Amino acid sequence: MDNIRKDLIKYGKLLHEKDLVIGRGGNISARSGDTLLIKKKFADMSPGNAKDYIAVPYPSTPAVEMAELSSETPLHLASYAAREDIKAVIHAHSPMSIAASSKTDVLESPSYEFDCIIQKPVPVIGYIQPGSEELASAIGAELKRGANAVLMKRHGAVTVGSSLEEAYLRMLALERACISFLYS
C-alpha cells in the first residue's frame, strides 16, 4: 500500500502543477485487491501528505469511514464496480473539460494522441449534483459501456485506468483534446 500511496501523492501533485485542479478540488483513488486508497475529505493534494489518503475495504466501505472520504467516493466506488480492469480513478475540475462539456454531447477523437491514450469517444453527461448517487450511477453506466473518460457539464472530468499513470495520462490527453476541440 505504501507504493500506491506514493503514487497517489505523486499524481495528486501533478494534477495541481498542470492546473487541472486547484485547492481542495478534485480527487484521486487507486484499488488493489480488496483495498481502496482514496483522498480524504477537504484534503488539498498539492502538499503531498500521506495522511490525506485513506485505505478502506472494497467493495463494502463502512459508513463511518465514508464520512472521512472525498465527497465523490460514490463516484469512485461506481467506477471500480463498472469494470474489473479499472484500478485507478481521477476526477478533476479542469477548465477546458468544463468548457468543452458545454459544447458537445460526445468528444470524438481530434488526434492520434487521443486514439492512443483515451482510445474511445468521451461521453458528456448533463449536470448532476456533485457527490450524489445519481452522479455515481451515471458515471458507472458510461464506464460499463466502455468509456475510459467522461465529461460532466459544469463539473469537470473523470478518467480511469489500469494504473494511476494511465488514468493521469488520460486526464492530460483529455484536457489537450478539449483544447483542440474548443479551438477547431
N, C-alpha and C. Protein backbone atom coordinates (compact mmCIF):
# COMPACT_ATOMS: atom_id res chain seq x y z
N MET A 1 0.81 -1.21 0.00
CA MET A 1 0.00 0.00 0.00
C MET A 1 0.85 1.27 0.00
N ASP A 2 2.06 1.17 0.55
CA ASP A 2 2.93 2.35 0.59
C ASP A 2 3.27 2.84 -0.81
N ASN A 3 3.51 1.91 -1.75
CA ASN A 3 3.82 2.32 -3.13
C ASN A 3 2.63 3.00 -3.79
N ILE A 4 1.43 2.48 -3.53
CA ILE A 4 0.23 3.09 -4.10
C ILE A 4 0.03 4.48 -3.50
N ARG A 5 0.23 4.61 -2.20
CA ARG A 5 0.09 5.92 -1.55
C ARG A 5 1.10 6.92 -2.14
N LYS A 6 2.33 6.45 -2.40
CA LYS A 6 3.34 7.33 -3.02
C LYS A 6 2.89 7.78 -4.41
N ASP A 7 2.28 6.86 -5.17
CA ASP A 7 1.78 7.23 -6.50
C ASP A 7 0.62 8.21 -6.40
N LEU A 8 -0.28 8.02 -5.42
CA LEU A 8 -1.38 8.96 -5.23
C LEU A 8 -0.84 10.36 -4.94
N ILE A 9 0.17 10.42 -4.08
CA ILE A 9 0.80 11.71 -3.76
C ILE A 9 1.41 12.32 -5.02
N LYS A 10 2.16 11.52 -5.77
CA LYS A 10 2.82 11.99 -6.99
C LYS A 10 1.82 12.55 -7.99
N TYR A 11 0.78 11.77 -8.30
CA TYR A 11 -0.17 12.21 -9.33
C TYR A 11 -1.10 13.30 -8.83
N GLY A 12 -1.40 13.33 -7.54
CA GLY A 12 -2.17 14.43 -6.97
C GLY A 12 -1.43 15.75 -7.12
N LYS A 13 -0.13 15.72 -6.84
CA LYS A 13 0.70 16.93 -7.00
C LYS A 13 0.77 17.34 -8.48
N LEU A 14 0.90 16.36 -9.37
CA LEU A 14 0.97 16.68 -10.80
C LEU A 14 -0.34 17.29 -11.31
N LEU A 15 -1.47 16.84 -10.79
CA LEU A 15 -2.75 17.44 -11.18
C LEU A 15 -2.76 18.93 -10.85
N HIS A 16 -2.20 19.30 -9.70
CA HIS A 16 -2.09 20.71 -9.31
C HIS A 16 -1.11 21.44 -10.21
N GLU A 17 0.05 20.85 -10.44
CA GLU A 17 1.07 21.50 -11.27
C GLU A 17 0.58 21.78 -12.68
N LYS A 18 -0.29 20.93 -13.21
CA LYS A 18 -0.84 21.10 -14.56
C LYS A 18 -2.12 21.92 -14.56
N ASP A 19 -2.49 22.49 -13.40
CA ASP A 19 -3.69 23.31 -13.25
C ASP A 19 -4.99 22.58 -13.60
N LEU A 20 -5.01 21.29 -13.36
CA LEU A 20 -6.21 20.51 -13.60
C LEU A 20 -7.13 20.52 -12.38
N VAL A 21 -6.57 20.85 -11.23
CA VAL A 21 -7.33 21.06 -10.00
C VAL A 21 -6.70 22.23 -9.26
N ILE A 22 -7.47 22.86 -8.40
CA ILE A 22 -6.94 23.91 -7.54
C ILE A 22 -7.45 23.68 -6.12
N GLY A 23 -6.68 24.12 -5.15
CA GLY A 23 -7.09 23.99 -3.75
C GLY A 23 -7.47 22.58 -3.39
N ARG A 24 -8.62 22.44 -2.78
CA ARG A 24 -9.09 21.12 -2.32
C ARG A 24 -9.88 20.38 -3.38
N GLY A 25 -9.96 20.95 -4.57
CA GLY A 25 -10.77 20.37 -5.63
C GLY A 25 -10.22 19.07 -6.17
N GLY A 26 -11.10 18.31 -6.81
CA GLY A 26 -10.73 17.05 -7.43
C GLY A 26 -10.43 15.97 -6.41
N ASN A 27 -10.31 14.76 -6.91
CA ASN A 27 -9.98 13.64 -6.05
C ASN A 27 -9.39 12.51 -6.87
N ILE A 28 -8.77 11.59 -6.18
CA ILE A 28 -7.99 10.54 -6.81
C ILE A 28 -8.05 9.30 -5.93
N SER A 29 -8.05 8.13 -6.57
CA SER A 29 -8.06 6.88 -5.80
C SER A 29 -7.38 5.78 -6.59
N ALA A 30 -7.04 4.72 -5.89
CA ALA A 30 -6.46 3.53 -6.52
C ALA A 30 -6.94 2.31 -5.75
N ARG A 31 -7.10 1.21 -6.48
CA ARG A 31 -7.59 -0.03 -5.87
C ARG A 31 -6.56 -1.12 -6.05
N SER A 32 -6.36 -1.87 -4.99
CA SER A 32 -5.50 -3.04 -5.03
C SER A 32 -6.23 -4.16 -4.31
N GLY A 33 -6.71 -5.13 -5.06
CA GLY A 33 -7.46 -6.24 -4.46
C GLY A 33 -8.69 -5.75 -3.74
N ASP A 34 -8.77 -6.05 -2.45
CA ASP A 34 -9.95 -5.66 -1.67
C ASP A 34 -9.71 -4.41 -0.82
N THR A 35 -8.75 -3.59 -1.27
CA THR A 35 -8.46 -2.33 -0.57
C THR A 35 -8.49 -1.17 -1.55
N LEU A 36 -9.09 -0.09 -1.11
CA LEU A 36 -9.17 1.14 -1.89
C LEU A 36 -8.47 2.24 -1.10
N LEU A 37 -7.58 2.97 -1.77
CA LEU A 37 -6.96 4.16 -1.18
C LEU A 37 -7.55 5.36 -1.89
N ILE A 38 -8.08 6.31 -1.10
CA ILE A 38 -8.76 7.46 -1.69
C ILE A 38 -8.45 8.71 -0.88
N LYS A 39 -8.54 9.84 -1.57
CA LYS A 39 -8.27 11.13 -0.93
C LYS A 39 -9.28 11.39 0.18
N LYS A 40 -8.77 11.95 1.24
CA LYS A 40 -9.57 12.34 2.40
C LYS A 40 -10.40 13.58 2.07
N LYS A 41 -11.55 13.70 2.69
CA LYS A 41 -12.42 14.87 2.51
C LYS A 41 -11.67 16.14 2.90
N PHE A 42 -11.81 17.19 2.11
CA PHE A 42 -11.23 18.51 2.33
C PHE A 42 -9.71 18.56 2.21
N ALA A 43 -9.07 17.50 1.74
CA ALA A 43 -7.62 17.50 1.60
C ALA A 43 -7.21 18.20 0.31
N ASP A 44 -6.14 18.94 0.39
CA ASP A 44 -5.51 19.59 -0.76
C ASP A 44 -4.38 18.67 -1.20
N MET A 45 -4.42 18.22 -2.45
CA MET A 45 -3.41 17.27 -2.93
C MET A 45 -2.05 17.91 -3.19
N SER A 46 -1.98 19.22 -3.29
CA SER A 46 -0.72 19.86 -3.68
C SER A 46 0.43 19.67 -2.70
N PRO A 47 0.20 19.65 -1.38
CA PRO A 47 1.34 19.45 -0.48
C PRO A 47 1.89 18.02 -0.49
N GLY A 48 1.06 17.06 -0.87
CA GLY A 48 1.51 15.68 -0.91
C GLY A 48 1.67 15.03 0.44
N ASN A 49 0.64 15.11 1.27
CA ASN A 49 0.68 14.49 2.60
C ASN A 49 0.13 13.08 2.56
N ALA A 50 0.91 12.12 3.04
CA ALA A 50 0.50 10.72 3.05
C ALA A 50 -0.79 10.53 3.85
N LYS A 51 -0.97 11.30 4.91
CA LYS A 51 -2.16 11.16 5.76
C LYS A 51 -3.45 11.58 5.05
N ASP A 52 -3.33 12.21 3.89
CA ASP A 52 -4.51 12.66 3.14
C ASP A 52 -5.13 11.56 2.28
N TYR A 53 -4.54 10.36 2.31
CA TYR A 53 -5.07 9.22 1.55
C TYR A 53 -5.37 8.09 2.53
N ILE A 54 -6.62 7.66 2.52
CA ILE A 54 -7.10 6.69 3.50
C ILE A 54 -7.33 5.34 2.81
N ALA A 55 -6.88 4.26 3.45
CA ALA A 55 -7.14 2.91 2.97
C ALA A 55 -8.42 2.39 3.61
N VAL A 56 -9.33 1.91 2.76
CA VAL A 56 -10.60 1.36 3.25
C VAL A 56 -10.88 0.05 2.52
N PRO A 57 -11.70 -0.82 3.12
CA PRO A 57 -12.04 -2.06 2.44
C PRO A 57 -12.91 -1.80 1.21
N TYR A 58 -12.70 -2.60 0.19
CA TYR A 58 -13.50 -2.50 -1.04
C TYR A 58 -14.03 -3.89 -1.36
N PRO A 59 -15.27 -4.06 -1.73
CA PRO A 59 -16.24 -3.05 -2.15
C PRO A 59 -17.12 -2.49 -1.04
N SER A 60 -17.14 -3.10 0.13
CA SER A 60 -18.05 -2.63 1.18
C SER A 60 -17.33 -1.71 2.15
N THR A 61 -17.33 -0.42 1.80
CA THR A 61 -16.69 0.59 2.64
C THR A 61 -17.65 0.99 3.76
N PRO A 62 -17.25 0.81 5.03
CA PRO A 62 -18.14 1.16 6.15
C PRO A 62 -18.54 2.64 6.15
N ALA A 63 -19.78 2.90 6.53
CA ALA A 63 -20.31 4.26 6.54
C ALA A 63 -19.48 5.19 7.40
N VAL A 64 -18.94 4.70 8.52
CA VAL A 64 -18.14 5.55 9.40
C VAL A 64 -16.90 6.06 8.67
N GLU A 65 -16.31 5.23 7.82
CA GLU A 65 -15.14 5.66 7.05
C GLU A 65 -15.54 6.55 5.88
N MET A 66 -16.71 6.30 5.31
CA MET A 66 -17.20 7.12 4.19
C MET A 66 -17.25 8.59 4.59
N ALA A 67 -17.58 8.87 5.85
CA ALA A 67 -17.69 10.25 6.32
C ALA A 67 -16.36 10.98 6.25
N GLU A 68 -15.24 10.26 6.27
CA GLU A 68 -13.91 10.87 6.22
C GLU A 68 -13.39 11.04 4.79
N LEU A 69 -14.05 10.38 3.85
CA LEU A 69 -13.53 10.33 2.49
C LEU A 69 -14.09 11.44 1.61
N SER A 70 -13.47 11.61 0.47
CA SER A 70 -13.92 12.58 -0.52
C SER A 70 -15.42 12.49 -0.74
N SER A 71 -16.03 13.64 -0.98
CA SER A 71 -17.48 13.65 -1.25
C SER A 71 -17.82 12.87 -2.51
N GLU A 72 -16.84 12.66 -3.38
CA GLU A 72 -17.08 11.90 -4.61
C GLU A 72 -16.75 10.42 -4.47
N THR A 73 -16.66 9.93 -3.24
CA THR A 73 -16.40 8.50 -3.05
C THR A 73 -17.43 7.63 -3.76
N PRO A 74 -18.73 7.97 -3.77
CA PRO A 74 -19.67 7.14 -4.53
C PRO A 74 -19.28 7.02 -6.02
N LEU A 75 -18.79 8.10 -6.60
CA LEU A 75 -18.35 8.10 -8.00
C LEU A 75 -17.19 7.11 -8.17
N HIS A 76 -16.25 7.13 -7.25
CA HIS A 76 -15.10 6.23 -7.32
C HIS A 76 -15.55 4.78 -7.18
N LEU A 77 -16.42 4.50 -6.21
CA LEU A 77 -16.90 3.14 -6.00
C LEU A 77 -17.65 2.63 -7.22
N ALA A 78 -18.49 3.47 -7.83
CA ALA A 78 -19.23 3.08 -9.03
C ALA A 78 -18.28 2.82 -10.20
N SER A 79 -17.20 3.57 -10.27
CA SER A 79 -16.22 3.37 -11.34
C SER A 79 -15.55 2.01 -11.22
N TYR A 80 -15.13 1.65 -10.01
CA TYR A 80 -14.49 0.34 -9.82
C TYR A 80 -15.48 -0.79 -10.05
N ALA A 81 -16.72 -0.59 -9.68
CA ALA A 81 -17.74 -1.63 -9.87
C ALA A 81 -18.08 -1.81 -11.35
N ALA A 82 -17.84 -0.78 -12.15
CA ALA A 82 -18.22 -0.83 -13.57
C ALA A 82 -17.40 -1.84 -14.37
N ARG A 83 -16.10 -1.90 -14.08
CA ARG A 83 -15.23 -2.79 -14.86
C ARG A 83 -14.09 -3.30 -13.99
N GLU A 84 -13.75 -4.55 -14.14
CA GLU A 84 -12.68 -5.17 -13.36
C GLU A 84 -11.31 -4.58 -13.69
N ASP A 85 -11.11 -4.09 -14.92
CA ASP A 85 -9.80 -3.57 -15.32
C ASP A 85 -9.48 -2.21 -14.72
N ILE A 86 -10.46 -1.54 -14.13
CA ILE A 86 -10.23 -0.22 -13.55
C ILE A 86 -9.57 -0.36 -12.19
N LYS A 87 -8.35 0.20 -12.09
CA LYS A 87 -7.58 0.14 -10.85
C LYS A 87 -7.27 1.54 -10.31
N ALA A 88 -7.61 2.59 -11.08
CA ALA A 88 -7.36 3.96 -10.65
C ALA A 88 -8.42 4.88 -11.25
N VAL A 89 -8.81 5.88 -10.46
CA VAL A 89 -9.82 6.86 -10.89
C VAL A 89 -9.32 8.26 -10.53
N ILE A 90 -9.43 9.17 -11.49
CA ILE A 90 -9.09 10.57 -11.26
C ILE A 90 -10.27 11.43 -11.65
N HIS A 91 -10.63 12.34 -10.76
CA HIS A 91 -11.68 13.32 -11.04
C HIS A 91 -11.07 14.71 -10.88
N ALA A 92 -11.15 15.50 -11.95
CA ALA A 92 -10.58 16.85 -11.92
C ALA A 92 -11.61 17.87 -12.40
N HIS A 93 -11.42 19.09 -11.96
CA HIS A 93 -12.27 20.21 -12.39
C HIS A 93 -11.51 21.04 -13.40
N SER A 94 -10.97 20.39 -14.39
CA SER A 94 -10.10 21.05 -15.36
C SER A 94 -10.89 22.04 -16.22
N PRO A 95 -10.33 23.23 -16.46
CA PRO A 95 -11.08 24.29 -17.13
C PRO A 95 -11.51 23.97 -18.56
N MET A 96 -10.66 23.34 -19.32
CA MET A 96 -11.02 23.07 -20.71
C MET A 96 -12.06 21.96 -20.81
N SER A 97 -12.02 21.00 -19.88
CA SER A 97 -13.04 19.94 -19.91
C SER A 97 -14.41 20.52 -19.55
N ILE A 98 -14.43 21.47 -18.63
CA ILE A 98 -15.70 22.12 -18.28
C ILE A 98 -16.22 22.92 -19.48
N ALA A 99 -15.35 23.64 -20.15
CA ALA A 99 -15.77 24.42 -21.32
C ALA A 99 -16.25 23.52 -22.45
N ALA A 100 -15.51 22.48 -22.76
CA ALA A 100 -15.89 21.58 -23.86
C ALA A 100 -17.21 20.86 -23.56
N SER A 101 -17.43 20.53 -22.29
CA SER A 101 -18.64 19.79 -21.94
C SER A 101 -19.91 20.57 -22.24
N SER A 102 -19.81 21.88 -22.33
CA SER A 102 -20.99 22.70 -22.62
C SER A 102 -21.25 22.84 -24.13
N LYS A 103 -20.35 22.29 -24.93
CA LYS A 103 -20.45 22.50 -26.38
C LYS A 103 -20.67 21.22 -27.20
N THR A 104 -20.74 20.05 -26.53
CA THR A 104 -20.92 18.81 -27.27
C THR A 104 -21.56 17.76 -26.37
N ASP A 105 -22.08 16.72 -26.99
CA ASP A 105 -22.63 15.59 -26.24
C ASP A 105 -21.68 14.41 -26.20
N VAL A 106 -20.68 14.45 -27.07
CA VAL A 106 -19.63 13.42 -27.08
C VAL A 106 -18.39 14.05 -27.69
N LEU A 107 -17.26 13.80 -27.07
CA LEU A 107 -15.99 14.32 -27.59
C LEU A 107 -15.34 13.21 -28.40
N GLU A 108 -15.31 13.42 -29.71
CA GLU A 108 -14.67 12.46 -30.62
C GLU A 108 -13.18 12.76 -30.69
N SER A 109 -12.45 11.83 -31.23
CA SER A 109 -11.01 11.98 -31.32
C SER A 109 -10.58 13.13 -32.23
N PRO A 110 -9.78 14.07 -31.68
CA PRO A 110 -9.22 15.12 -32.52
C PRO A 110 -7.79 14.81 -32.95
N SER A 111 -7.22 13.69 -32.42
CA SER A 111 -5.79 13.47 -32.65
C SER A 111 -5.39 12.02 -32.46
N TYR A 112 -4.23 11.71 -32.99
CA TYR A 112 -3.63 10.40 -32.79
C TYR A 112 -3.35 10.16 -31.31
N GLU A 113 -2.94 11.21 -30.61
CA GLU A 113 -2.69 11.11 -29.17
C GLU A 113 -3.93 10.61 -28.43
N PHE A 114 -5.07 11.18 -28.77
CA PHE A 114 -6.35 10.76 -28.19
C PHE A 114 -6.59 9.29 -28.47
N ASP A 115 -6.38 8.88 -29.73
CA ASP A 115 -6.60 7.49 -30.13
C ASP A 115 -5.74 6.53 -29.32
N CYS A 116 -4.50 6.91 -29.06
CA CYS A 116 -3.56 6.03 -28.35
C CYS A 116 -3.80 6.00 -26.85
N ILE A 117 -4.19 7.13 -26.28
CA ILE A 117 -4.26 7.22 -24.81
C ILE A 117 -5.68 7.04 -24.28
N ILE A 118 -6.63 7.77 -24.82
CA ILE A 118 -8.01 7.66 -24.33
C ILE A 118 -8.73 6.51 -25.03
N GLN A 119 -8.45 6.34 -26.29
CA GLN A 119 -8.85 5.19 -27.10
C GLN A 119 -10.30 5.15 -27.56
N LYS A 120 -11.21 5.82 -26.88
CA LYS A 120 -12.63 5.76 -27.23
C LYS A 120 -13.25 7.14 -27.09
N PRO A 121 -14.33 7.40 -27.84
CA PRO A 121 -15.02 8.68 -27.67
C PRO A 121 -15.40 8.91 -26.20
N VAL A 122 -15.44 10.18 -25.82
CA VAL A 122 -15.72 10.56 -24.44
C VAL A 122 -17.16 11.08 -24.35
N PRO A 123 -18.03 10.36 -23.63
CA PRO A 123 -19.40 10.84 -23.47
C PRO A 123 -19.46 12.05 -22.54
N VAL A 124 -20.49 12.86 -22.74
CA VAL A 124 -20.73 14.02 -21.87
C VAL A 124 -22.07 13.79 -21.19
N ILE A 125 -22.08 13.88 -19.87
CA ILE A 125 -23.35 13.75 -19.14
C ILE A 125 -23.78 15.13 -18.67
N GLY A 126 -25.07 15.30 -18.53
CA GLY A 126 -25.61 16.57 -18.04
C GLY A 126 -25.21 16.84 -16.61
N TYR A 127 -25.47 18.05 -16.17
CA TYR A 127 -25.11 18.40 -14.79
C TYR A 127 -25.94 17.57 -13.82
N ILE A 128 -25.26 16.93 -12.90
CA ILE A 128 -25.88 16.15 -11.82
C ILE A 128 -25.18 16.58 -10.53
N GLN A 129 -25.93 16.69 -9.47
CA GLN A 129 -25.40 17.14 -8.18
C GLN A 129 -24.10 16.41 -7.81
N PRO A 130 -23.00 17.14 -7.64
CA PRO A 130 -21.74 16.50 -7.23
C PRO A 130 -21.91 15.70 -5.93
N GLY A 131 -21.24 14.58 -5.86
CA GLY A 131 -21.27 13.74 -4.67
C GLY A 131 -22.49 12.85 -4.55
N SER A 132 -23.41 12.96 -5.49
CA SER A 132 -24.66 12.21 -5.38
C SER A 132 -24.54 10.79 -5.94
N GLU A 133 -25.43 9.93 -5.48
CA GLU A 133 -25.52 8.57 -6.01
C GLU A 133 -25.95 8.61 -7.47
N GLU A 134 -26.77 9.60 -7.84
CA GLU A 134 -27.21 9.73 -9.22
C GLU A 134 -26.02 9.99 -10.14
N LEU A 135 -25.11 10.85 -9.71
CA LEU A 135 -23.90 11.12 -10.50
C LEU A 135 -23.05 9.85 -10.58
N ALA A 136 -22.88 9.17 -9.46
CA ALA A 136 -22.09 7.93 -9.45
C ALA A 136 -22.68 6.91 -10.43
N SER A 137 -23.99 6.77 -10.44
CA SER A 137 -24.65 5.82 -11.35
C SER A 137 -24.44 6.21 -12.81
N ALA A 138 -24.53 7.50 -13.10
CA ALA A 138 -24.36 7.96 -14.49
C ALA A 138 -22.93 7.70 -14.98
N ILE A 139 -21.96 7.97 -14.13
CA ILE A 139 -20.56 7.71 -14.49
C ILE A 139 -20.34 6.21 -14.65
N GLY A 140 -20.81 5.43 -13.70
CA GLY A 140 -20.67 3.97 -13.77
C GLY A 140 -21.26 3.40 -15.04
N ALA A 141 -22.42 3.90 -15.46
CA ALA A 141 -23.07 3.41 -16.68
C ALA A 141 -22.22 3.68 -17.91
N GLU A 142 -21.62 4.87 -17.99
CA GLU A 142 -20.77 5.19 -19.15
C GLU A 142 -19.51 4.33 -19.17
N LEU A 143 -18.94 4.09 -17.99
CA LEU A 143 -17.74 3.25 -17.93
C LEU A 143 -18.07 1.80 -18.30
N LYS A 144 -19.23 1.33 -17.88
CA LYS A 144 -19.67 -0.03 -18.26
C LYS A 144 -19.78 -0.17 -19.77
N ARG A 145 -20.19 0.91 -20.42
CA ARG A 145 -20.31 0.89 -21.89
C ARG A 145 -18.94 0.97 -22.57
N GLY A 146 -17.87 1.10 -21.77
CA GLY A 146 -16.53 1.06 -22.33
C GLY A 146 -15.75 2.36 -22.34
N ALA A 147 -16.36 3.45 -21.90
CA ALA A 147 -15.65 4.73 -21.88
C ALA A 147 -14.46 4.66 -20.91
N ASN A 148 -13.39 5.35 -21.27
CA ASN A 148 -12.22 5.48 -20.38
C ASN A 148 -12.15 6.87 -19.77
N ALA A 149 -13.05 7.74 -20.20
CA ALA A 149 -13.13 9.11 -19.69
C ALA A 149 -14.58 9.57 -19.87
N VAL A 150 -15.02 10.44 -18.97
CA VAL A 150 -16.36 11.00 -19.04
C VAL A 150 -16.27 12.48 -18.69
N LEU A 151 -16.93 13.31 -19.49
CA LEU A 151 -17.04 14.74 -19.18
C LEU A 151 -18.38 14.99 -18.49
N MET A 152 -18.37 15.90 -17.51
CA MET A 152 -19.57 16.25 -16.77
C MET A 152 -19.81 17.75 -16.92
N LYS A 153 -20.97 18.11 -17.45
CA LYS A 153 -21.28 19.52 -17.63
C LYS A 153 -21.15 20.28 -16.31
N ARG A 154 -20.46 21.43 -16.38
CA ARG A 154 -20.26 22.33 -15.25
C ARG A 154 -19.49 21.73 -14.09
N HIS A 155 -18.84 20.58 -14.31
CA HIS A 155 -18.22 19.90 -13.17
C HIS A 155 -16.81 19.41 -13.45
N GLY A 156 -16.53 18.98 -14.66
CA GLY A 156 -15.17 18.51 -14.94
C GLY A 156 -15.14 17.18 -15.64
N ALA A 157 -14.20 16.34 -15.23
CA ALA A 157 -13.99 15.08 -15.93
C ALA A 157 -13.58 13.98 -14.98
N VAL A 158 -13.80 12.76 -15.44
CA VAL A 158 -13.34 11.56 -14.76
C VAL A 158 -12.57 10.74 -15.78
N THR A 159 -11.40 10.25 -15.38
CA THR A 159 -10.66 9.30 -16.20
C THR A 159 -10.34 8.10 -15.34
N VAL A 160 -10.22 6.95 -16.01
CA VAL A 160 -9.91 5.71 -15.32
C VAL A 160 -8.75 5.03 -16.03
N GLY A 161 -8.13 4.08 -15.32
CA GLY A 161 -7.05 3.34 -15.94
C GLY A 161 -6.71 2.09 -15.16
N SER A 162 -5.83 1.31 -15.76
CA SER A 162 -5.34 0.10 -15.09
C SER A 162 -4.26 0.45 -14.07
N SER A 163 -3.85 1.73 -14.07
CA SER A 163 -2.86 2.25 -13.12
C SER A 163 -3.12 3.74 -12.95
N LEU A 164 -2.53 4.31 -11.92
CA LEU A 164 -2.64 5.76 -11.73
C LEU A 164 -1.99 6.50 -12.88
N GLU A 165 -0.87 5.99 -13.38
CA GLU A 165 -0.21 6.63 -14.51
C GLU A 165 -1.14 6.69 -15.72
N GLU A 166 -1.82 5.59 -16.02
CA GLU A 166 -2.72 5.57 -17.17
C GLU A 166 -3.88 6.53 -16.98
N ALA A 167 -4.49 6.54 -15.80
CA ALA A 167 -5.60 7.46 -15.54
C ALA A 167 -5.13 8.91 -15.64
N TYR A 168 -3.93 9.20 -15.14
CA TYR A 168 -3.37 10.55 -15.22
C TYR A 168 -3.09 10.96 -16.67
N LEU A 169 -2.46 10.08 -17.43
CA LEU A 169 -2.18 10.40 -18.84
C LEU A 169 -3.48 10.61 -19.61
N ARG A 170 -4.51 9.86 -19.26
CA ARG A 170 -5.80 10.07 -19.91
C ARG A 170 -6.38 11.44 -19.55
N MET A 171 -6.18 11.88 -18.32
CA MET A 171 -6.66 13.21 -17.93
C MET A 171 -5.92 14.29 -18.71
N LEU A 172 -4.60 14.14 -18.84
CA LEU A 172 -3.82 15.11 -19.63
C LEU A 172 -4.27 15.10 -21.09
N ALA A 173 -4.41 13.92 -21.66
CA ALA A 173 -4.82 13.80 -23.06
C ALA A 173 -6.22 14.37 -23.26
N LEU A 174 -7.09 14.16 -22.28
CA LEU A 174 -8.45 14.70 -22.37
C LEU A 174 -8.43 16.22 -22.37
N GLU A 175 -7.65 16.81 -21.49
CA GLU A 175 -7.58 18.27 -21.44
C GLU A 175 -7.04 18.82 -22.76
N ARG A 176 -6.04 18.16 -23.33
CA ARG A 176 -5.48 18.58 -24.62
C ARG A 176 -6.51 18.41 -25.74
N ALA A 177 -7.28 17.33 -25.69
CA ALA A 177 -8.32 17.10 -26.69
C ALA A 177 -9.40 18.17 -26.59
N CYS A 178 -9.74 18.56 -25.36
CA CYS A 178 -10.73 19.62 -25.16
C CYS A 178 -10.23 20.95 -25.72
N ILE A 179 -8.95 21.23 -25.54
CA ILE A 179 -8.37 22.45 -26.12
C ILE A 179 -8.48 22.41 -27.63
N SER A 180 -8.09 21.28 -28.23
CA SER A 180 -8.19 21.14 -29.70
C SER A 180 -9.63 21.31 -30.16
N PHE A 181 -10.56 20.69 -29.47
CA PHE A 181 -11.98 20.79 -29.82
C PHE A 181 -12.44 22.24 -29.76
N LEU A 182 -12.10 22.93 -28.68
CA LEU A 182 -12.56 24.31 -28.49
C LEU A 182 -11.96 25.28 -29.50
N TYR A 183 -10.75 24.98 -29.99
CA TYR A 183 -10.09 25.88 -30.94
C TYR A 183 -10.30 25.48 -32.40
N SER A 184 -11.04 24.40 -32.62
CA SER A 184 -11.23 23.97 -34.02
C SER A 184 -12.41 24.65 -34.67
